[in-house]
Structures are given as C-alpha cells and as structure tokens.
Amino acid sequence: MNKILETSTSHVEELPSGVYQVRSLPDAAYSELWDSVIIDEGLKEALICQATLNISIRKRVSRAVIPMHGIILLVGKPGTGKTSLAKGLASETAKLLPKDEPVTFIEIEPHAMTSAVHGESQRAVTELFGQTIADYAEAGPTIVLLDEVESILVDRAKLSLETNPVDVHRATDAALVELDRLAEKFPNLLIITTSNFPQAIDVAFVSRCDLVMHIPMPNYNACRNILEETLIGFSRTFPSVKELIDTDEFDTVVRACVGLDGRQIRKVVASACAFSRETAADPNRLSITDLLCAAGRSKDDAKK
C-alpha cells in the first residue's frame, strides 16, 4: 500500500511503494544530526570526501576507468549513530552542490520490499530501483537512504533454496542489476546504506560500494563528549544538571559509560532521573550517584 505524505502546505501527496519519505536538502534538522553524532572527525571527513569525489568525477570519468557506483555503506552495532550519520551526510553533501540544483532525499522502507507471494519481492525491488529511484534521479540530484540494506541485498551464498524461496535470491539479483543501471545512467545519484549485520549482505553488493565504513563504539573521549553534550542540552531546561560536568566525580561516570553505545549514553541521563520521585519531578536534583547507577544498570541490561 502506498504511503501518504502531508506537506507543510497541507498538500497531500501519495508516495511510491517502498518509499518512506521524501524531502528537500539541505535540511537543518539533518545537519544537526550530523553534528550530534560524536565519532572521530577523521571518519566524518572521509565520508564528506567520498561524497565530494562522487560529485566531482562520476560525471567526467568513464566507469570503464573507475567503476564507481555512488554507494556508501555504513556498518556497526546498533546505537552507534549510523542512520543519523547517513541523514546528516545527505544534508552536508547537498551543501556541496550548486544552490540552483535542488537535491531530493528519499528514505526507503526496506521491509516493504519483502513478500510471501512468489515473484512479488523481485517485482517490488525492480520497480523501486528501476523506476521510482530512476524517476527522481532523472529530475535532478538525488540522495537515497537505505537502512538495513541486508533485508534487500541478502547474502545469496548463505541462503538455502529449501528454506528460502527462490524469490529472495531473485530479488537480490534484481537489485544488483538495477544498481548497475542506476550507476551507469545517473552520476547525480548517491545511495547511502546502513547495516547492523554486514555478514548478512551479499558480497556482490559490498564490491559495488565505493566506501565501506565501520562506525565504532564510542571510546573514552567520545563517551565524555556525548555525556557532556547531553547534560548541556538537558540543562537548557534544568540548569542545575550542567554543574555535574565540573565535579571531580564526573570522570568516574564517563568511565562507567565506556562500553555503551551513543544512544545508551544519552538515555543514561534520562534513566538517572527516574531513581526517585523527587528527581523525576525535578531533574535539577540529578546527582553523580544517580548517573553512576544508571550507567551500571544500562550495562547490566545490555548483558542480559
């Protein structure tokens, strides 16, 4: 079933099947996501450089010389910020293009591609890549986000024809064929993909990626930056929590957060406010002890 998109002008537009949302870039909210993901700046720079390279040479260098597909793959554990980073990269990349070239952002709904009906998955994938994405790219610069790419481009070598319908194999085949066609025809198209399970992705897709980047878990410095940023943001509403950053015990909290992903670290602050009714009613009462307990509980929950 096609989704319905309601724009800010109350205009109702029907989105093609398999498309979750469409918006224009740059987008301030997506650029904010880019800034919010705390990773080594070298990784962000590598992403921007790859996007710049796609923009600068794909129109001018034959694919027979350099077979670039305009595909970036971000892999890593859940909570490391892959999706936020992908959306942020899309917005930052759009800023590199001429201002008179509006950039379209398309977010794909990958699970809409699977079907128990024989032949439907293959048809849906072919329609999405060969028609829908192609139509947007025909109209101008386009950036596509495909989360959980392994749900469409399944590793065929690990599938069993006895337990997996042949349609799954054919859907992967179809996606690969259409990606080749898109790369050949639309140098203005950038596809950013993510995966929590890179071992489940078909190797033929990985070989088509211009950059495969592993997004790591936060190290000590990243944990500190994430925790500080979260408390500073929280202090805009509850000013007293900012004082915790300057305490001698704050370093202990940071070390307790090492091993958690970025999402978990941010949630530590919220969880810490729920240890007493008084703090829940007034988070200005938040203490270092509350943060330490919340970090410990988060680690215990992760182990379970």
Protein backbone atom coordinates (compact mmCIF):
# COMPACT_ATOMS: atom_id res chain seq x y z
CA MET A 1 0.00 0.00 0.00
CA ASN A 2 1.36 3.43 -0.88
CA LYS A 3 2.04 5.88 1.91
CA ILE A 4 0.54 9.34 2.10
CA LEU A 5 2.81 12.35 2.59
CA GLU A 6 1.29 15.51 4.05
CA THR A 7 3.42 18.55 3.33
CA SER A 8 3.64 21.75 5.36
CA THR A 9 1.16 23.40 2.98
CA SER A 10 -1.41 20.70 3.78
CA HIS A 11 -0.98 19.31 0.28
CA VAL A 12 -1.44 15.55 0.35
CA GLU A 13 0.85 13.53 -1.88
CA GLU A 14 0.93 9.80 -2.40
CA LEU A 15 4.40 8.29 -2.13
CA PRO A 16 5.52 5.40 -4.33
CA SER A 17 5.52 1.93 -2.81
CA GLY A 18 8.66 1.24 -0.79
CA VAL A 19 9.37 4.93 -0.14
CA TYR A 20 9.07 6.06 3.50
CA GLN A 21 9.61 9.77 2.99
CA VAL A 22 10.80 12.37 0.50
CA ARG A 23 12.20 15.79 1.40
CA SER A 24 14.42 18.54 0.04
CA LEU A 25 18.05 19.05 1.05
CA PRO A 26 19.91 20.66 2.71
CA ASP A 27 17.82 20.13 5.84
CA ALA A 28 18.69 21.92 9.09
CA ALA A 29 17.42 19.05 11.23
CA TYR A 30 19.60 16.56 9.35
CA SER A 31 22.64 18.81 9.62
CA GLU A 32 22.00 18.92 13.37
CA LEU A 33 22.05 15.10 13.38
CA TRP A 34 25.45 15.23 11.66
CA ASP A 35 26.79 17.39 14.49
CA SER A 36 25.19 15.23 17.18
CA VAL A 37 26.97 12.02 16.19
CA ILE A 38 30.21 12.00 18.18
CA ILE A 39 32.84 9.98 16.31
CA ASP A 40 36.41 10.58 15.19
CA GLU A 41 36.37 13.65 12.96
CA GLY A 42 38.57 11.74 10.54
CA LEU A 43 35.68 9.38 9.83
CA LYS A 44 33.33 12.25 9.10
CA GLU A 45 35.93 13.83 6.88
CA ALA A 46 36.33 10.57 4.96
CA LEU A 47 32.58 10.46 4.36
CA ILE A 48 32.47 14.04 3.10
CA CYS A 49 35.49 13.41 0.88
CA GLN A 50 33.90 10.32 -0.64
CA ALA A 51 30.66 12.19 -1.31
CA THR A 52 32.66 15.03 -2.86
CA LEU A 53 34.54 12.57 -5.04
CA ASN A 54 31.28 11.08 -6.27
CA ILE A 55 30.07 14.54 -7.20
CA SER A 56 33.30 15.71 -8.81
CA ILE A 57 34.39 12.79 -11.00
CA ARG A 58 31.48 10.50 -11.83
CA LYS A 59 30.20 12.88 -14.49
CA ARG A 60 33.66 13.24 -16.04
CA VAL A 61 35.40 9.86 -15.72
CA SER A 62 34.23 6.76 -17.57
CA ARG A 63 33.08 3.83 -15.43
CA ALA A 64 35.31 1.70 -17.60
CA VAL A 65 38.21 3.53 -15.98
CA ILE A 66 36.87 3.77 -12.41
CA PRO A 67 33.67 1.75 -11.85
CA MET A 68 32.13 3.95 -9.16
CA HIS A 69 28.53 3.17 -8.19
CA GLY A 70 27.82 6.13 -5.92
CA ILE A 71 27.16 3.82 -2.96
CA ILE A 72 28.35 4.25 0.64
CA LEU A 73 27.84 1.52 3.24
CA LEU A 74 27.92 2.28 6.98
CA VAL A 75 28.19 -0.75 9.26
CA GLY A 76 28.35 -1.05 13.02
CA LYS A 77 26.49 -2.09 16.13
CA PRO A 78 23.00 -0.71 16.86
CA GLY A 79 23.08 2.68 18.55
CA THR A 80 26.34 3.89 17.04
CA GLY A 81 24.58 6.59 15.03
CA LYS A 82 24.66 5.11 11.53
CA THR A 83 21.23 6.34 10.46
CA SER A 84 21.74 9.81 11.96
CA LEU A 85 25.15 9.98 10.31
CA ALA A 86 23.66 8.93 6.96
CA LYS A 87 20.96 11.59 7.11
CA GLY A 88 23.49 14.18 8.19
CA LEU A 89 25.84 13.19 5.37
CA ALA A 90 22.99 13.60 2.89
CA SER A 91 22.36 17.15 4.08
CA GLU A 92 26.05 18.07 4.21
CA THR A 93 26.58 16.64 0.72
CA ALA A 94 23.70 18.71 -0.62
CA LYS A 95 25.54 21.83 0.55
CA LEU A 96 28.38 20.95 -1.83
CA LEU A 97 26.13 21.14 -4.88
CA PRO A 98 25.24 24.34 -6.74
CA LYS A 99 22.46 26.22 -4.98
CA ASP A 100 20.40 26.27 -8.15
CA GLU A 101 20.24 22.45 -8.12
CA PRO A 102 17.63 21.33 -5.57
CA VAL A 103 18.53 17.98 -4.02
CA THR A 104 15.89 15.34 -3.32
CA PHE A 105 16.26 12.99 -0.35
CA ILE A 106 14.47 9.63 -0.44
CA GLU A 107 14.29 7.28 2.53
CA ILE A 108 13.45 3.71 1.59
CA GLU A 109 11.26 1.41 3.67
CA PRO A 110 13.20 -1.85 3.13
CA HIS A 111 10.71 -4.26 4.66
CA ALA A 112 8.07 -3.11 2.19
CA MET A 113 10.09 -4.99 -0.43
CA THR A 114 9.57 -8.47 1.05
CA SER A 115 6.53 -10.58 0.21
CA ALA A 116 5.37 -14.14 0.71
CA VAL A 117 3.82 -14.08 -2.75
CA HIS A 118 6.07 -15.71 -5.35
CA GLY A 119 7.68 -13.14 -7.59
CA GLU A 120 6.44 -10.11 -5.66
CA SER A 121 9.73 -9.26 -3.90
CA GLN A 122 11.60 -9.29 -7.20
CA ARG A 123 8.93 -7.15 -8.85
CA ALA A 124 8.89 -4.67 -5.94
CA VAL A 125 12.69 -4.31 -5.95
CA THR A 126 12.80 -3.83 -9.72
CA GLU A 127 10.08 -1.20 -9.53
CA LEU A 128 11.77 0.65 -6.67
CA PHE A 129 15.25 0.82 -8.17
CA GLY A 130 14.46 0.69 -11.86
CA GLN A 131 11.54 3.08 -11.87
CA THR A 132 10.97 5.06 -8.66
CA ILE A 133 14.56 5.99 -7.83
CA ALA A 134 15.36 6.42 -11.52
CA ASP A 135 12.46 8.87 -11.92
CA TYR A 136 13.70 11.04 -9.04
CA ALA A 137 17.30 10.94 -10.31
CA GLU A 138 16.07 11.88 -13.79
CA ALA A 139 14.61 15.05 -12.30
CA GLY A 140 17.81 16.16 -10.55
CA PRO A 141 20.43 15.38 -7.86
CA THR A 142 19.10 12.66 -5.57
CA ILE A 143 20.34 11.07 -2.35
CA VAL A 144 18.81 7.79 -1.19
CA LEU A 145 18.95 6.32 2.31
CA LEU A 146 18.52 2.57 2.58
CA ASP A 147 18.66 1.35 6.18
CA GLU A 148 19.06 -2.36 6.91
CA VAL A 149 20.34 -2.98 3.41
CA GLU A 150 20.74 -6.69 4.20
CA SER A 151 16.94 -7.02 4.15
CA ILE A 152 17.03 -6.43 0.37
CA LEU A 153 20.53 -7.48 -0.68
CA VAL A 154 20.71 -10.78 1.18
CA ASP A 155 23.87 -12.87 1.02
CA ARG A 156 22.80 -15.48 -1.53
CA ALA A 157 25.68 -17.80 -0.60
CA LYS A 158 24.18 -18.27 2.86
CA LEU A 159 20.63 -18.90 1.72
CA SER A 160 19.17 -22.33 1.30
CA LEU A 161 16.76 -22.89 -1.55
CA GLU A 162 14.99 -25.40 0.68
CA THR A 163 14.24 -22.88 3.43
CA ASN A 164 14.29 -19.61 1.45
CA PRO A 165 12.02 -19.01 -1.53
CA VAL A 166 13.78 -18.54 -4.84
CA ASP A 167 12.14 -15.10 -4.91
CA VAL A 168 14.62 -13.93 -2.24
CA HIS A 169 17.53 -14.87 -4.50
CA ARG A 170 15.91 -13.21 -7.50
CA ALA A 171 15.19 -10.03 -5.52
CA THR A 172 18.91 -9.70 -4.73
CA ASP A 173 19.77 -10.40 -8.37
CA ALA A 174 17.29 -7.74 -9.48
CA ALA A 175 18.64 -5.16 -7.02
CA LEU A 176 22.21 -5.69 -8.24
CA VAL A 177 21.20 -5.36 -11.89
CA GLU A 178 19.26 -2.15 -11.23
CA LEU A 179 22.08 -0.65 -9.14
CA ASP A 180 24.42 -1.16 -12.08
CA ARG A 181 21.95 0.56 -14.39
CA LEU A 182 21.47 3.47 -12.00
CA ALA A 183 25.24 3.93 -11.63
CA GLU A 184 25.65 3.96 -15.41
CA LYS A 185 22.87 6.44 -16.10
CA PHE A 186 22.77 8.77 -13.07
CA PRO A 187 26.08 10.20 -11.81
CA ASN A 188 23.95 12.66 -9.80
CA LEU A 189 22.64 9.83 -7.61
CA LEU A 190 24.20 8.95 -4.22
CA ILE A 191 22.95 5.92 -2.26
CA ILE A 192 23.80 5.71 1.45
CA THR A 193 23.15 2.35 3.09
CA THR A 194 23.47 1.03 6.65
CA SER A 195 23.62 -2.36 8.30
CA ASN A 196 23.92 -3.88 11.77
CA PHE A 197 24.73 -7.24 10.18
CA PRO A 198 27.33 -6.82 7.42
CA GLN A 199 27.89 -10.58 7.36
CA ALA A 200 24.34 -10.93 6.01
CA ILE A 201 24.92 -8.67 2.99
CA ASP A 202 25.59 -10.18 -0.40
CA VAL A 203 29.27 -9.90 -1.29
CA ALA A 204 28.43 -8.66 -4.79
CA PHE A 205 26.75 -5.60 -3.27
CA VAL A 206 29.70 -4.89 -0.97
CA SER A 207 32.01 -4.98 -4.00
CA ARG A 208 29.87 -2.29 -5.62
CA CYS A 209 30.24 0.08 -2.64
CA ASP A 210 32.67 2.94 -3.17
CA LEU A 211 33.25 3.17 0.59
CA VAL A 212 32.50 0.72 3.41
CA MET A 213 32.92 2.43 6.76
CA HIS A 214 32.76 0.73 10.15
CA ILE A 215 31.25 3.04 12.77
CA PRO A 216 32.92 2.15 16.08
CA MET A 217 31.56 2.11 19.60
CA PRO A 218 32.43 5.34 21.48
CA ASN A 219 35.87 5.42 23.13
CA TYR A 220 36.55 7.32 26.37
CA ASN A 221 36.80 10.74 24.70
CA ALA A 222 33.66 10.15 22.65
CA CYS A 223 31.77 8.98 25.76
CA ARG A 224 32.80 12.14 27.56
CA ASN A 225 31.72 14.36 24.68
CA ILE A 226 28.37 12.60 24.32
CA LEU A 227 27.64 12.78 28.05
CA GLU A 228 28.68 16.43 28.27
CA GLU A 229 26.63 17.37 25.22
CA THR A 230 23.58 15.57 26.60
CA LEU A 231 23.83 17.25 30.02
CA ILE A 232 24.38 20.67 28.44
CA GLY A 233 21.31 20.18 26.25
CA PHE A 234 19.32 18.96 29.26
CA SER A 235 20.48 21.98 31.27
CA ARG A 236 18.64 24.32 28.93
CA THR A 237 15.53 23.13 30.73
CA PHE A 238 17.05 22.07 34.05
CA PRO A 239 20.06 24.37 34.68
CA SER A 240 21.49 22.61 37.72
CA VAL A 241 22.46 19.44 35.85
CA LYS A 242 25.22 21.29 34.00
CA GLU A 243 27.11 21.67 37.30
CA LEU A 244 27.72 17.90 37.36
CA ILE A 245 30.19 18.23 34.48
CA ASP A 246 32.59 20.24 36.64
CA THR A 247 32.61 17.84 39.60
CA ASP A 248 35.60 15.65 40.41
CA GLU A 249 33.40 12.55 40.14
CA PHE A 250 32.26 13.24 36.57
CA ASP A 251 35.23 11.32 35.16
CA THR A 252 34.01 8.25 37.07
CA VAL A 253 30.67 8.47 35.28
CA VAL A 254 32.39 8.78 31.91
CA ARG A 255 34.45 5.66 32.57
CA ALA A 256 31.30 3.82 33.63
CA CYS A 257 29.78 4.68 30.24
CA VAL A 258 32.63 3.17 28.21
CA GLY A 259 31.18 0.10 26.52
CA LEU A 260 27.78 1.70 25.92
CA ASP A 261 26.73 2.99 22.51
CA GLY A 262 25.87 6.62 21.89
CA ARG A 263 22.14 6.09 22.20
CA GLN A 264 22.55 4.26 25.51
CA ILE A 265 24.78 7.00 26.91
CA ARG A 266 22.18 9.67 26.16
CA LYS A 267 19.48 7.54 27.76
CA VAL A 268 21.62 7.16 30.89
CA VAL A 269 20.78 10.78 31.73
CA ALA A 270 17.04 10.15 31.42
CA SER A 271 17.23 6.88 33.36
CA ALA A 272 19.20 8.58 36.13
CA CYS A 273 16.31 10.97 36.68
CA ALA A 274 13.97 8.08 37.45
CA PHE A 275 15.66 6.71 40.60
CA SER A 276 13.50 8.79 42.93
CA ARG A 277 10.17 10.53 42.78
CA GLU A 278 11.81 13.80 43.79
CA THR A 279 14.30 13.75 40.90
CA ALA A 280 11.66 12.57 38.46
CA ALA A 281 9.54 15.58 39.44
CA ASP A 282 12.54 17.95 39.38
CA PRO A 283 15.57 16.75 37.37
CA ASN A 284 17.55 19.67 38.83
CA ARG A 285 18.11 17.24 41.73
CA LEU A 286 20.08 14.86 39.49
CA SER A 287 23.29 13.63 41.13
CA ILE A 288 26.53 11.90 40.14
CA THR A 289 25.36 8.87 42.12
CA ASP A 290 22.19 8.72 40.00
CA LEU A 291 24.26 8.82 36.79
CA LEU A 292 26.61 6.08 38.03
CA CYS A 293 23.67 3.84 38.97
CA ALA A 294 22.01 4.44 35.60
CA ALA A 295 25.21 3.62 33.69
CA GLY A 296 25.67 0.42 35.68
CA ARG A 297 22.08 -0.65 35.11
CA SER A 298 22.36 0.06 31.39
CA LYS A 299 25.40 -2.22 31.16
CA ASP A 300 23.63 -4.94 33.14
CA ASP A 301 20.59 -4.73 30.87
CA ALA A 302 22.82 -4.95 27.79
CA LYS A 303 24.43 -8.16 29.11
CA LYS A 304 21.01 -9.72 29.69
